[in-house]
Protein backbone atom coordinates (compact mmCIF):
# COMPACT_ATOMS: atom_id res chain seq x y z
CA MET A 1 73.72 45.59 55.82
CA ALA A 2 76.53 43.49 57.31
CA ILE A 3 80.09 43.89 56.10
CA LYS A 4 81.59 40.59 54.87
CA ASP A 5 84.59 38.88 56.41
CA ARG A 6 87.75 39.27 54.37
CA ILE A 7 91.32 38.06 54.20
CA GLU A 8 94.07 40.62 53.74
CA ASN A 9 97.69 39.81 52.99
CA ASN A 10 101.24 41.14 52.86
CA ILE A 11 102.32 39.21 49.76
CA ARG A 12 103.33 42.23 47.69
CA THR A 13 105.56 43.56 50.50
CA LEU A 14 107.04 40.12 51.13
CA ARG A 15 107.80 39.67 47.42
CA PHE A 16 109.58 43.03 47.36
CA MET A 17 111.62 42.10 50.44
CA ALA A 18 112.49 38.73 48.85
CA GLU A 19 114.81 40.27 46.26
CA GLU A 20 111.83 41.69 44.37
CA MET A 21 110.36 38.28 43.57
CA THR A 22 107.90 38.53 40.70
CA GLN A 23 104.32 37.31 40.81
CA MET A 24 105.31 34.69 38.26
CA ASP A 25 108.21 33.49 40.43
CA LEU A 26 105.85 33.03 43.38
CA ALA A 27 103.22 31.37 41.20
CA GLU A 28 105.76 28.84 39.94
CA LYS A 29 106.96 28.06 43.47
CA VAL A 30 103.42 27.30 44.71
CA LYS A 31 102.21 25.78 41.41
CA VAL A 32 99.39 28.19 40.53
CA SER A 33 98.91 30.73 37.75
CA ARG A 34 100.23 34.28 37.96
CA GLN A 35 96.61 35.44 37.71
CA THR A 36 95.83 33.55 40.93
CA ILE A 37 98.64 35.39 42.74
CA VAL A 38 97.37 38.72 41.35
CA ALA A 39 93.84 37.98 42.61
CA ILE A 40 95.10 36.94 46.05
CA GLU A 41 97.29 40.05 46.37
CA LYS A 42 94.33 42.27 45.50
CA SER A 43 92.14 40.42 48.04
CA LYS A 44 89.76 39.45 45.24
CA TYR A 45 90.32 35.76 45.92
CA SER A 46 90.90 33.92 49.21
CA PRO A 47 93.37 31.07 48.84
CA SER A 48 92.71 27.58 50.11
CA LEU A 49 94.33 26.79 53.44
CA GLU A 50 96.82 24.56 51.65
CA LEU A 51 97.81 27.34 49.23
CA ALA A 52 98.05 29.88 52.05
CA PHE A 53 100.49 27.60 53.91
CA LYS A 54 102.54 27.07 50.72
CA ILE A 55 102.82 30.83 50.19
CA ALA A 56 103.85 31.39 53.81
CA LYS A 57 106.47 28.65 53.48
CA VAL A 58 108.01 30.32 50.42
CA PHE A 59 108.60 33.45 52.51
CA GLU A 60 109.60 31.41 55.60
CA LYS A 61 106.96 33.25 57.65
CA PRO A 62 104.17 32.03 59.91
CA LEU A 63 100.77 32.06 58.24
CA GLU A 64 99.54 34.99 60.37
CA GLU A 65 102.41 37.19 59.14
CA VAL A 66 101.30 36.66 55.54
CA PHE A 67 97.51 36.57 55.89
CA GLN A 68 95.14 38.33 58.27
CA PHE A 69 91.48 37.45 58.78
CA ILE A 70 89.37 40.60 59.15
CA PRO A 71 85.94 39.78 60.58
CA GLY A 72 83.01 41.65 59.13
CA ASP A 73 80.51 43.68 61.05
CA SER A 74 78.04 41.17 62.44
CA LYS A 75 75.53 43.81 63.53
CA LYS A 76 72.26 43.79 61.63
CA LYS A 77 70.37 47.00 60.96
């Protein structure tokens, strides 16, 4: 069984380093719900490219410092 691709992120760490920004603060800045930020942080939801860029912009970081694409195992058994 192949392992699925996934997107990991550093949002929680970046929020902490940004004067302990709350999930709600970030949500308001990028115009989504707090629940969306929670789901993204927990890697239960992959943001759209547009939302990913907005989040990176809030932290003044390049996209690849906020999000990492982890390819799945493409080998089939």
